[in-house]
N, C-alpha and C. Protein backbone atom coordinates (compact mmCIF):
# COMPACT_ATOMS: atom_id res chain seq x y z
N UNK A 1 0.88 -1.09 0.04
CA UNK A 1 0.04 -0.08 -0.03
C UNK A 1 0.84 1.40 0.03
N UNK A 2 1.91 1.04 0.79
CA UNK A 2 2.87 2.27 0.92
C UNK A 2 3.48 2.62 -0.35
N UNK A 3 3.83 1.52 -1.18
CA UNK A 3 4.53 1.71 -2.51
C UNK A 3 3.47 2.38 -3.40
N UNK A 4 2.23 2.00 -3.29
CA UNK A 4 1.22 2.67 -4.05
C UNK A 4 1.10 4.05 -3.94
N UNK A 5 1.06 4.52 -2.69
CA UNK A 5 0.84 5.87 -2.28
C UNK A 5 2.30 6.62 -2.80
N UNK A 6 3.37 6.05 -2.56
CA UNK A 6 4.54 6.94 -3.04
C UNK A 6 4.49 6.94 -4.53
N UNK A 7 4.09 5.92 -5.22
CA UNK A 7 3.86 6.00 -6.67
C UNK A 7 2.83 7.09 -7.14
N UNK A 8 1.77 7.12 -6.46
CA UNK A 8 0.71 8.12 -6.75
C UNK A 8 1.33 9.58 -6.28
N UNK A 9 2.06 9.75 -5.28
CA UNK A 9 2.50 11.02 -4.81
C UNK A 9 3.64 11.48 -5.85
N UNK A 10 4.33 10.45 -6.45
CA UNK A 10 5.50 10.78 -7.44
C UNK A 10 4.84 11.28 -8.73
N UNK A 11 3.77 10.61 -9.18
CA UNK A 11 3.04 11.01 -10.29
C UNK A 11 2.49 12.45 -10.13
N UNK A 12 1.83 12.52 -8.93
CA UNK A 12 1.20 13.91 -8.77
C UNK A 12 2.34 15.06 -8.54
N UNK A 13 3.51 14.70 -8.08
CA UNK A 13 4.49 15.69 -8.05
C UNK A 13 5.00 15.99 -9.43
N UNK A 14 5.10 15.03 -10.29
CA UNK A 14 5.54 15.32 -11.74
C UNK A 14 4.57 16.01 -12.48
N UNK A 15 3.25 15.88 -12.27
CA UNK A 15 2.22 16.50 -12.88
C UNK A 15 2.24 17.94 -12.52
N UNK A 16 2.40 18.22 -11.14
CA UNK A 16 2.44 19.59 -10.64
C UNK A 16 3.60 20.28 -11.06
N UNK A 17 4.68 19.60 -11.27
CA UNK A 17 5.96 20.30 -11.87
C UNK A 17 5.72 20.57 -13.42
N UNK A 18 5.20 19.86 -14.15
CA UNK A 18 4.86 20.03 -15.53
C UNK A 18 3.91 21.20 -15.45
N UNK A 19 2.85 21.28 -14.70
CA UNK A 19 1.94 22.29 -14.76
C UNK A 19 2.55 23.70 -14.43
N UNK A 20 3.51 23.67 -13.45
CA UNK A 20 4.19 24.87 -13.02
C UNK A 20 5.08 25.35 -14.30
N UNK A 21 5.80 24.40 -14.89
CA UNK A 21 6.54 24.76 -15.95
C UNK A 21 5.75 25.35 -17.13
N UNK A 22 4.63 24.87 -17.40
CA UNK A 22 3.83 25.30 -18.52
C UNK A 22 3.17 26.69 -18.08
N UNK A 23 2.84 26.82 -16.77
CA UNK A 23 2.37 28.20 -16.30
C UNK A 23 3.44 29.15 -16.46
N UNK A 24 4.69 28.82 -16.15
CA UNK A 24 5.75 29.95 -16.17
C UNK A 24 6.09 30.30 -17.57
N UNK A 25 5.88 29.13 -18.54
CA UNK A 25 6.26 29.53 -19.93
C UNK A 25 5.16 30.47 -20.49
N UNK A 26 4.01 30.19 -20.03
CA UNK A 26 2.73 30.90 -20.47
C UNK A 26 2.92 32.44 -20.02
N UNK A 27 3.31 32.66 -18.74
CA UNK A 27 3.41 33.90 -18.17
C UNK A 27 4.66 34.72 -18.89
N UNK A 28 5.79 33.92 -18.95
CA UNK A 28 6.80 34.41 -19.69
C UNK A 28 6.56 34.88 -21.06
N UNK A 29 5.84 34.06 -21.93
CA UNK A 29 5.56 34.42 -23.34
C UNK A 29 4.52 35.50 -23.36
N UNK A 30 3.67 35.58 -22.44
CA UNK A 30 2.68 36.68 -22.28
C UNK A 30 3.42 38.02 -22.10
N UNK A 31 4.39 37.99 -21.11
CA UNK A 31 5.16 39.27 -20.74
C UNK A 31 5.96 39.76 -21.86
N UNK A 32 6.57 38.85 -22.62
CA UNK A 32 7.43 39.22 -23.76
C UNK A 32 6.49 39.70 -24.82
N UNK A 33 5.43 39.09 -24.98
CA UNK A 33 4.47 39.77 -26.06
C UNK A 33 3.92 41.11 -25.80
N UNK A 34 3.76 41.26 -24.44
CA UNK A 34 3.25 42.65 -24.10
C UNK A 34 4.30 43.60 -24.17
N UNK A 35 5.52 43.27 -23.87
CA UNK A 35 6.68 44.36 -24.08
C UNK A 35 6.90 44.60 -25.52
N UNK A 36 6.85 43.56 -26.32
CA UNK A 36 7.13 43.64 -27.85
C UNK A 36 6.01 44.47 -28.54
N UNK A 37 4.77 44.30 -27.93
CA UNK A 37 3.75 44.88 -28.81
C UNK A 37 3.25 46.28 -28.07
N UNK A 38 3.97 46.71 -27.05
CA UNK A 38 3.73 47.99 -26.39
C UNK A 38 3.79 49.13 -27.24
N UNK A 39 2.91 50.04 -26.96
CA UNK A 39 2.82 51.35 -27.63
C UNK A 39 3.31 52.54 -26.80
N UNK A 40 3.83 53.56 -27.60
CA UNK A 40 4.28 54.74 -26.91
C UNK A 40 2.99 55.56 -26.37
N UNK A 41 2.97 55.59 -25.05
CA UNK A 41 1.65 56.31 -24.54
C UNK A 41 2.01 57.87 -24.34
N UNK A 42 3.12 58.20 -24.07
CA UNK A 42 3.60 59.58 -23.83
C UNK A 42 5.06 59.71 -24.02
N UNK A 43 5.53 61.01 -24.21
CA UNK A 43 6.95 61.23 -24.50
C UNK A 43 7.39 62.35 -23.68
N UNK A 44 8.58 62.29 -23.12
CA UNK A 44 9.14 63.18 -22.27
C UNK A 44 9.74 64.38 -23.24
N UNK A 45 9.33 65.61 -22.79
CA UNK A 45 9.78 66.85 -23.59
C UNK A 45 10.91 67.60 -22.76
N UNK A 46 10.86 67.45 -21.51
CA UNK A 46 11.91 68.18 -20.64
C UNK A 46 11.99 67.53 -19.39
N UNK A 47 13.25 67.71 -18.72
CA UNK A 47 13.41 67.23 -17.36
C UNK A 47 13.86 68.49 -16.50
N UNK A 48 13.28 68.57 -15.42
CA UNK A 48 13.69 69.70 -14.45
C UNK A 48 13.94 69.05 -13.11
N UNK A 49 15.32 69.03 -12.82
CA UNK A 49 15.81 68.19 -11.76
C UNK A 49 15.38 66.73 -11.85
N UNK A 50 14.60 66.20 -10.96
CA UNK A 50 14.07 64.88 -10.96
C UNK A 50 12.84 64.57 -11.48
N UNK A 51 12.25 65.55 -12.12
CA UNK A 51 10.83 65.38 -12.63
C UNK A 51 10.79 65.68 -14.10
N UNK A 52 10.03 64.88 -14.81
CA UNK A 52 9.87 64.97 -16.13
C UNK A 52 8.62 65.81 -16.62
N UNK A 53 8.59 66.45 -17.74
CA UNK A 53 7.52 67.13 -18.31
C UNK A 53 7.10 66.31 -19.50
N UNK A 54 5.89 65.82 -19.61
CA UNK A 54 5.47 65.00 -20.69
C UNK A 54 4.82 65.87 -21.77
N UNK A 55 4.79 65.35 -23.04
CA UNK A 55 4.21 65.91 -24.25
C UNK A 55 2.77 66.22 -23.89
N UNK A 56 1.91 65.17 -23.44
CA UNK A 56 0.59 65.58 -23.01
C UNK A 56 0.34 66.66 -22.09
N UNK A 57 1.28 66.80 -20.99
CA UNK A 57 1.20 67.96 -20.07
C UNK A 57 1.42 69.18 -20.79
N UNK A 58 2.42 69.29 -21.67
CA UNK A 58 2.81 70.45 -22.38
C UNK A 58 1.70 70.67 -23.51
N UNK A 59 0.93 69.81 -24.08
CA UNK A 59 0.01 70.18 -25.00
C UNK A 59 -1.31 70.60 -24.17
N UNK A 60 -1.45 70.04 -23.06
CA UNK A 60 -2.66 70.52 -22.18
C UNK A 60 -2.52 71.96 -21.81
N UNK A 61 -1.27 72.33 -21.30
CA UNK A 61 -0.88 73.64 -20.92
C UNK A 61 -0.98 74.68 -22.03
N UNK A 62 -0.47 74.12 -23.21
CA UNK A 62 -0.45 75.05 -24.48
C UNK A 62 -1.92 75.31 -24.90
N UNK A 63 -2.74 74.25 -24.97
CA UNK A 63 -4.05 74.64 -25.37
C UNK A 63 -4.86 75.59 -24.44
N UNK A 64 -4.69 75.41 -23.02
CA UNK A 64 -5.33 76.32 -22.21
C UNK A 64 -4.70 77.70 -22.37
N UNK A 65 -3.39 77.88 -22.51
CA UNK A 65 -2.83 79.12 -22.71
C UNK A 65 -3.24 79.88 -24.00
N UNK A 66 -3.37 79.10 -25.12
CA UNK A 66 -3.64 79.65 -26.32
C UNK A 66 -5.09 80.28 -26.35
N UNK A 67 -5.91 79.80 -25.44
CA UNK A 67 -7.24 80.39 -25.49
C UNK A 67 -7.14 81.84 -24.98
N UNK A 68 -6.19 82.13 -24.08
CA UNK A 68 -5.98 83.44 -23.46
C UNK A 68 -4.92 84.24 -24.38
N UNK A 69 -3.97 83.60 -24.81
CA UNK A 69 -2.90 84.32 -25.54
C UNK A 69 -2.57 83.46 -26.90
N UNK A 70 -3.33 83.83 -27.91
CA UNK A 70 -3.19 82.97 -29.20
C UNK A 70 -1.94 82.95 -29.83
N UNK A 71 -1.00 83.90 -29.59
CA UNK A 71 0.23 83.97 -30.40
C UNK A 71 1.34 83.37 -29.62
N UNK A 72 1.10 82.66 -28.52
CA UNK A 72 2.08 82.00 -27.74
C UNK A 72 2.75 80.75 -28.43
N UNK A 73 4.06 80.47 -28.17
CA UNK A 73 4.52 79.22 -28.73
C UNK A 73 4.60 78.15 -27.68
N UNK A 74 4.84 76.98 -28.15
CA UNK A 74 4.96 75.79 -27.21
C UNK A 74 6.16 75.95 -26.32
N UNK A 75 7.31 76.63 -27.03
CA UNK A 75 8.54 76.59 -26.23
C UNK A 75 8.14 77.76 -25.14
N UNK A 76 7.41 78.76 -25.27
CA UNK A 76 7.11 79.73 -24.26
C UNK A 76 6.34 79.11 -23.25
N UNK A 77 5.47 78.35 -23.51
CA UNK A 77 4.61 77.53 -22.54
C UNK A 77 5.48 76.60 -21.75
N UNK A 78 6.46 75.93 -22.37
CA UNK A 78 7.29 74.96 -21.69
C UNK A 78 8.17 75.78 -20.73
N UNK A 79 8.81 76.86 -21.10
CA UNK A 79 9.59 77.74 -20.30
C UNK A 79 8.78 78.08 -19.10
N UNK A 80 7.50 78.57 -19.14
CA UNK A 80 6.67 78.92 -18.09
C UNK A 80 6.42 77.66 -17.18
N UNK A 81 6.15 76.50 -17.75
CA UNK A 81 6.06 75.33 -16.87
C UNK A 81 7.28 75.04 -16.17
N UNK A 82 8.44 75.13 -16.83
CA UNK A 82 9.80 74.93 -16.05
C UNK A 82 9.90 76.02 -14.88
N UNK A 83 9.61 77.33 -15.24
CA UNK A 83 9.73 78.28 -14.21
C UNK A 83 8.92 78.00 -13.01
N UNK A 84 7.58 77.60 -13.30
CA UNK A 84 6.58 77.22 -12.24
C UNK A 84 7.13 76.21 -11.36
N UNK A 85 7.77 74.97 -12.08
CA UNK A 85 8.19 73.91 -11.27
C UNK A 85 9.38 74.24 -10.34
N UNK A 86 10.24 75.19 -10.91
CA UNK A 86 11.24 75.60 -9.95
C UNK A 86 10.85 76.46 -8.85
N UNK A 87 9.89 77.34 -8.94
CA UNK A 87 9.29 78.27 -7.94
C UNK A 87 8.66 77.21 -7.00
N UNK A 88 7.88 76.24 -7.47
CA UNK A 88 7.23 75.24 -6.55
C UNK A 88 8.18 74.54 -5.74
N UNK A 89 9.26 74.01 -6.44
CA UNK A 89 10.28 73.19 -5.56
C UNK A 89 11.01 74.13 -4.57
N UNK A 90 11.23 75.29 -5.01
CA UNK A 90 11.87 76.25 -3.88
C UNK A 90 10.97 76.51 -2.74
N UNK A 91 9.73 76.67 -3.06
CA UNK A 91 8.59 76.93 -2.04
C UNK A 91 8.58 75.67 -1.13
N UNK A 92 8.67 74.43 -1.74
CA UNK A 92 8.61 73.28 -0.85
C UNK A 92 9.96 73.21 -0.02
N UNK A 93 11.03 73.54 -0.65
CA UNK A 93 12.30 73.46 0.02
C UNK A 93 12.34 74.35 1.24
N UNK A 94 11.65 75.53 1.12
CA UNK A 94 11.53 76.53 2.21
C UNK A 94 10.39 76.08 3.14
N UNK A 95 9.74 75.06 2.92
CA UNK A 95 8.79 74.50 3.81
C UNK A 95 7.46 75.40 3.96
N UNK A 96 7.22 76.03 2.84
CA UNK A 96 6.00 76.95 2.74
C UNK A 96 4.75 75.96 2.73
N UNK A 97 3.55 76.47 3.09
CA UNK A 97 2.36 75.76 3.19
C UNK A 97 1.37 76.37 2.19
N UNK A 98 0.64 75.42 1.55
CA UNK A 98 -0.44 75.85 0.78
C UNK A 98 -1.25 74.61 0.27
N UNK A 99 -2.50 74.77 0.01
CA UNK A 99 -3.33 73.77 -0.36
C UNK A 99 -2.93 73.15 -1.74
N UNK A 100 -2.61 73.99 -2.62
CA UNK A 100 -2.36 73.70 -3.95
C UNK A 100 -0.97 74.29 -4.49
N UNK A 101 -0.54 73.81 -5.57
CA UNK A 101 0.63 74.24 -6.13
C UNK A 101 0.62 75.82 -6.34
N UNK A 102 -0.45 76.35 -6.77
CA UNK A 102 -0.70 77.72 -7.06
C UNK A 102 -0.56 78.51 -5.89
N UNK A 103 -1.02 77.98 -4.66
CA UNK A 103 -1.04 78.84 -3.43
C UNK A 103 0.48 78.67 -2.92
N UNK A 104 1.15 77.60 -3.24
CA UNK A 104 2.53 77.61 -2.73
C UNK A 104 3.34 78.62 -3.45
N UNK A 105 3.10 78.80 -4.85
CA UNK A 105 3.89 79.67 -5.57
C UNK A 105 3.63 81.08 -5.16
N UNK A 106 2.24 81.41 -4.97
CA UNK A 106 1.91 82.74 -4.55
C UNK A 106 2.46 83.04 -3.19
N UNK A 107 2.61 82.18 -2.29
CA UNK A 107 3.07 82.23 -0.88
C UNK A 107 4.71 82.60 -1.14
N UNK A 108 5.34 81.90 -1.94
CA UNK A 108 6.73 82.17 -2.36
C UNK A 108 6.86 83.69 -2.71
N UNK A 109 6.11 83.97 -3.69
CA UNK A 109 6.16 85.24 -4.36
C UNK A 109 5.96 86.42 -3.09
N UNK A 110 4.99 86.10 -2.40
CA UNK A 110 4.74 87.09 -1.20
C UNK A 110 5.80 87.34 -0.33
N UNK A 111 6.50 86.08 0.13
CA UNK A 111 7.46 86.10 1.18
C UNK A 111 8.81 86.42 0.54
N UNK A 112 9.11 85.98 -0.62
CA UNK A 112 10.50 86.09 -1.27
C UNK A 112 10.62 87.23 -2.20
N UNK A 113 9.53 87.80 -2.68
CA UNK A 113 9.70 88.76 -3.78
C UNK A 113 8.98 90.16 -3.15
N UNK A 114 7.56 89.94 -2.99
CA UNK A 114 6.96 91.14 -2.70
C UNK A 114 7.43 91.89 -1.48
N UNK A 115 7.92 91.03 -0.43
CA UNK A 115 8.28 91.58 0.88
C UNK A 115 9.45 92.59 0.69
N UNK A 116 10.14 92.42 -0.30
CA UNK A 116 11.29 93.25 -0.53
C UNK A 116 11.17 94.54 -1.41
N UNK A 117 9.88 94.69 -1.77
CA UNK A 117 9.65 95.83 -2.78
C UNK A 117 8.99 97.00 -2.11
N UNK A 118 9.51 98.13 -2.22
CA UNK A 118 8.94 99.40 -1.68
C UNK A 118 9.05 100.41 -2.72
N UNK A 119 7.97 101.08 -3.12
CA UNK A 119 7.83 102.03 -4.15
C UNK A 119 7.84 103.43 -3.38
N UNK A 120 8.71 104.31 -3.61
CA UNK A 120 8.89 105.54 -2.98
C UNK A 120 7.89 106.56 -3.51
N UNK A 121 7.48 107.54 -2.76
CA UNK A 121 6.64 108.54 -3.23
C UNK A 121 7.27 109.32 -4.50
N UNK A 122 8.61 109.44 -4.34
CA UNK A 122 9.32 110.26 -5.42
C UNK A 122 9.29 109.51 -6.72
N UNK A 123 9.33 108.16 -6.60
CA UNK A 123 9.21 107.29 -7.92
C UNK A 123 7.95 107.49 -8.53
N UNK A 124 6.89 107.48 -7.79
CA UNK A 124 5.55 107.62 -8.25
C UNK A 124 5.38 109.00 -8.95
N UNK A 125 5.80 110.02 -8.33
CA UNK A 125 5.77 111.43 -8.86
C UNK A 125 6.47 111.49 -10.06
N UNK A 126 7.69 110.88 -10.06
CA UNK A 126 8.56 111.08 -11.25
C UNK A 126 7.90 110.20 -12.36
N UNK A 127 7.35 109.19 -12.17
CA UNK A 127 6.66 108.33 -13.24
C UNK A 127 5.50 109.25 -13.84
N UNK A 128 4.66 110.06 -12.90
CA UNK A 128 3.63 110.76 -13.32
C UNK A 128 4.12 111.80 -14.22
N UNK A 129 5.21 112.50 -13.89
CA UNK A 129 5.71 113.60 -14.71
C UNK A 129 6.17 113.14 -15.97
N UNK A 130 6.89 112.08 -16.00
CA UNK A 130 7.45 111.50 -17.35
C UNK A 130 6.30 111.06 -18.36
N UNK A 131 5.05 110.65 -17.74
CA UNK A 131 4.10 110.05 -18.53
C UNK A 131 2.76 110.89 -18.46
N UNK A 132 2.90 112.25 -18.31
CA UNK A 132 1.76 113.13 -17.99
C UNK A 132 0.77 113.02 -19.17
N UNK A 133 1.19 112.74 -20.36
CA UNK A 133 0.21 112.71 -21.56
C UNK A 133 -0.69 111.57 -21.42
N UNK A 134 -0.26 110.43 -20.82
CA UNK A 134 -1.13 109.31 -20.78
C UNK A 134 -2.29 109.57 -19.85
N UNK A 135 -2.06 110.53 -18.84
CA UNK A 135 -3.09 110.70 -17.73
C UNK A 135 -3.99 111.66 -18.22
N UNK A 136 -3.79 112.28 -19.37
CA UNK A 136 -4.79 113.36 -19.80
C UNK A 136 -5.08 114.33 -18.76
N UNK A 137 -4.09 114.89 -18.22
CA UNK A 137 -4.24 115.96 -17.21
C UNK A 137 -5.05 115.55 -16.07
N UNK A 138 -5.09 114.33 -15.66
CA UNK A 138 -5.80 113.84 -14.44
C UNK A 138 -4.97 114.24 -13.36
N UNK A 139 -5.62 114.73 -12.38
CA UNK A 139 -4.70 115.10 -11.05
C UNK A 139 -3.83 114.00 -10.46
N UNK A 140 -2.83 114.37 -9.99
CA UNK A 140 -1.81 113.27 -9.50
C UNK A 140 -2.60 112.42 -8.43
N UNK A 141 -3.32 113.05 -7.51
CA UNK A 141 -3.77 112.28 -6.43
C UNK A 141 -4.82 111.18 -6.92
N UNK A 142 -5.47 111.43 -8.08
CA UNK A 142 -6.37 110.50 -8.55
C UNK A 142 -5.88 109.29 -9.27
N UNK A 143 -4.57 109.40 -9.72
CA UNK A 143 -3.87 108.31 -10.37
C UNK A 143 -2.74 107.63 -9.53
N UNK A 144 -2.50 108.25 -8.52
CA UNK A 144 -1.32 107.87 -7.56
C UNK A 144 -1.46 106.39 -7.28
N UNK A 145 -2.60 105.91 -6.85
CA UNK A 145 -2.65 104.49 -6.49
C UNK A 145 -2.44 103.47 -7.67
N UNK A 146 -2.97 103.90 -8.82
CA UNK A 146 -2.75 103.07 -10.12
C UNK A 146 -1.26 103.08 -10.35
N UNK A 147 -0.65 104.23 -10.25
CA UNK A 147 0.90 104.30 -10.65
C UNK A 147 1.66 103.43 -9.70
N UNK A 148 1.29 103.61 -8.25
CA UNK A 148 1.98 102.77 -7.30
C UNK A 148 1.89 101.28 -7.70
N UNK A 149 0.54 100.81 -7.95
CA UNK A 149 0.36 99.41 -8.32
C UNK A 149 1.19 99.01 -9.54
N UNK A 150 1.24 99.79 -10.54
CA UNK A 150 1.97 99.45 -11.79
C UNK A 150 3.48 99.28 -11.42
N UNK A 151 3.97 100.28 -10.66
CA UNK A 151 5.42 100.28 -10.38
C UNK A 151 5.71 99.01 -9.55
N UNK A 152 4.93 98.63 -8.67
CA UNK A 152 4.95 97.52 -7.68
C UNK A 152 5.12 96.29 -8.53
N UNK A 153 4.06 96.05 -9.35
CA UNK A 153 3.95 94.87 -10.28
C UNK A 153 5.24 94.85 -11.16
N UNK A 154 5.70 95.99 -11.69
CA UNK A 154 6.92 95.97 -12.47
C UNK A 154 8.14 95.40 -11.69
N UNK A 155 8.15 95.86 -10.55
CA UNK A 155 9.38 95.52 -9.66
C UNK A 155 9.24 94.07 -9.20
N UNK A 156 8.01 93.69 -8.96
CA UNK A 156 7.79 92.21 -8.75
C UNK A 156 8.28 91.41 -9.89
N UNK A 157 7.91 91.72 -11.13
CA UNK A 157 8.34 90.92 -12.18
C UNK A 157 9.74 90.95 -12.43
N UNK A 158 10.53 92.11 -12.28
CA UNK A 158 11.98 92.22 -12.49
C UNK A 158 12.72 91.33 -11.39
N UNK A 159 12.25 91.47 -10.06
CA UNK A 159 12.83 90.62 -9.08
C UNK A 159 12.56 89.08 -9.23
N UNK A 160 11.41 88.86 -9.69
CA UNK A 160 10.86 87.35 -9.83
C UNK A 160 11.77 86.75 -11.12
N UNK A 161 12.13 87.61 -12.16
CA UNK A 161 12.87 87.04 -13.28
C UNK A 161 14.31 86.89 -12.73
N UNK A 162 14.89 87.69 -11.86
CA UNK A 162 16.24 87.46 -11.34
C UNK A 162 16.14 86.20 -10.48
N UNK A 163 15.14 85.99 -9.64
CA UNK A 163 15.05 84.86 -8.76
C UNK A 163 15.03 83.52 -9.67
N UNK A 164 14.31 83.56 -10.70
CA UNK A 164 14.05 82.42 -11.68
C UNK A 164 15.37 81.98 -12.37
N UNK A 165 15.95 83.17 -12.69
CA UNK A 165 17.30 83.01 -13.41
C UNK A 165 18.41 82.22 -12.44
N UNK A 166 18.33 82.68 -11.12
CA UNK A 166 19.17 82.04 -10.20
C UNK A 166 18.79 80.60 -9.89
N UNK A 167 17.34 80.26 -9.88
CA UNK A 167 16.99 78.96 -9.77
C UNK A 167 17.30 78.10 -10.99
N UNK A 168 17.21 78.66 -12.24
CA UNK A 168 17.53 77.88 -13.43
C UNK A 168 19.16 77.63 -13.35
N UNK A 169 19.87 78.59 -12.99
CA UNK A 169 21.31 78.31 -12.95
C UNK A 169 21.60 77.11 -11.97
N UNK A 170 20.86 76.92 -10.92
CA UNK A 170 21.20 75.84 -9.95
C UNK A 170 20.56 74.52 -10.27
N UNK A 171 19.50 74.54 -11.19
CA UNK A 171 18.67 73.33 -11.47
C UNK A 171 19.45 72.57 -12.76
N UNK A 172 19.02 71.31 -12.81
CA UNK A 172 19.37 70.49 -13.96
C UNK A 172 18.14 70.64 -14.83
N UNK A 173 18.28 71.25 -16.07
CA UNK A 173 17.13 71.38 -16.95
C UNK A 173 17.55 70.86 -18.24
N UNK A 174 16.74 69.85 -18.78
CA UNK A 174 17.11 69.34 -20.09
C UNK A 174 15.96 69.39 -21.01
N UNK A 175 15.89 70.16 -22.09
CA UNK A 175 14.71 70.34 -22.95
C UNK A 175 14.95 69.41 -24.24
N UNK A 176 14.11 68.56 -24.53
CA UNK A 176 14.14 67.56 -25.47
C UNK A 176 13.43 67.76 -26.85
N UNK A 177 12.74 68.91 -26.94
CA UNK A 177 12.00 69.16 -28.06
C UNK A 177 12.48 70.58 -28.55
N UNK A 178 12.29 70.91 -29.90
CA UNK A 178 12.56 72.19 -30.38
C UNK A 178 11.39 72.57 -31.25
N UNK A 179 11.15 73.91 -31.35
CA UNK A 179 10.17 74.43 -32.12
C UNK A 179 10.64 74.39 -33.62
N UNK A 180 9.78 74.37 -34.59
CA UNK A 180 10.06 74.37 -35.96
C UNK A 180 11.14 75.55 -36.24
N UNK A 181 12.16 75.24 -37.02
CA UNK A 181 13.10 76.39 -37.26
C UNK A 181 14.10 76.58 -36.32
N UNK A 182 13.96 76.02 -35.09
CA UNK A 182 14.86 76.26 -34.00
C UNK A 182 16.05 75.35 -34.26
N UNK A 183 17.23 75.89 -33.98
CA UNK A 183 18.56 75.15 -34.10
C UNK A 183 18.84 74.32 -32.91
N UNK A 184 19.68 73.23 -33.11
CA UNK A 184 20.12 72.58 -31.90
C UNK A 184 20.95 73.40 -30.97
N UNK A 185 20.77 73.21 -29.74
CA UNK A 185 21.38 73.92 -28.71
C UNK A 185 20.84 75.39 -28.44
N UNK A 186 19.71 75.56 -28.99
CA UNK A 186 18.89 76.86 -28.75
C UNK A 186 18.13 76.86 -27.41
């Protein structure tokens, strides 16, 4: 009886081994077939430090931006995306808090840019005097706030451009696409 059982268990063991081999071959051939027949889902168009920007992300941002600014190029949108990523990374590095990426970037601009801008009364008056024709003889007091706002925004943009240039200089940025007519290395 014992010999019968060991014979049966030997046969079962051989059958299980064959089944495992067939199953492994099936899984292997399926995975090879999947890899060989795979299709390109998306393409990387740029790297910013350890993050990739895909073609679909660029196209989505480009489509949204074109609705507001029809003459913008994909390269300009890509540069804006890169700048935003750099500002977002810097805001996170500084441990700023915000519910969204937009809030983080705004918080960064408030603390690291706007906080350092002061428009002097003399600058406002000087701008008014140099551009008096634009104001059509409107009294200084009635346009003072508008001028101050304009000069503040101009200074924010200038300082922000400098900060972005500094962040770009420290970051690893690799752009993998070119606009039509753009030469290699541009």
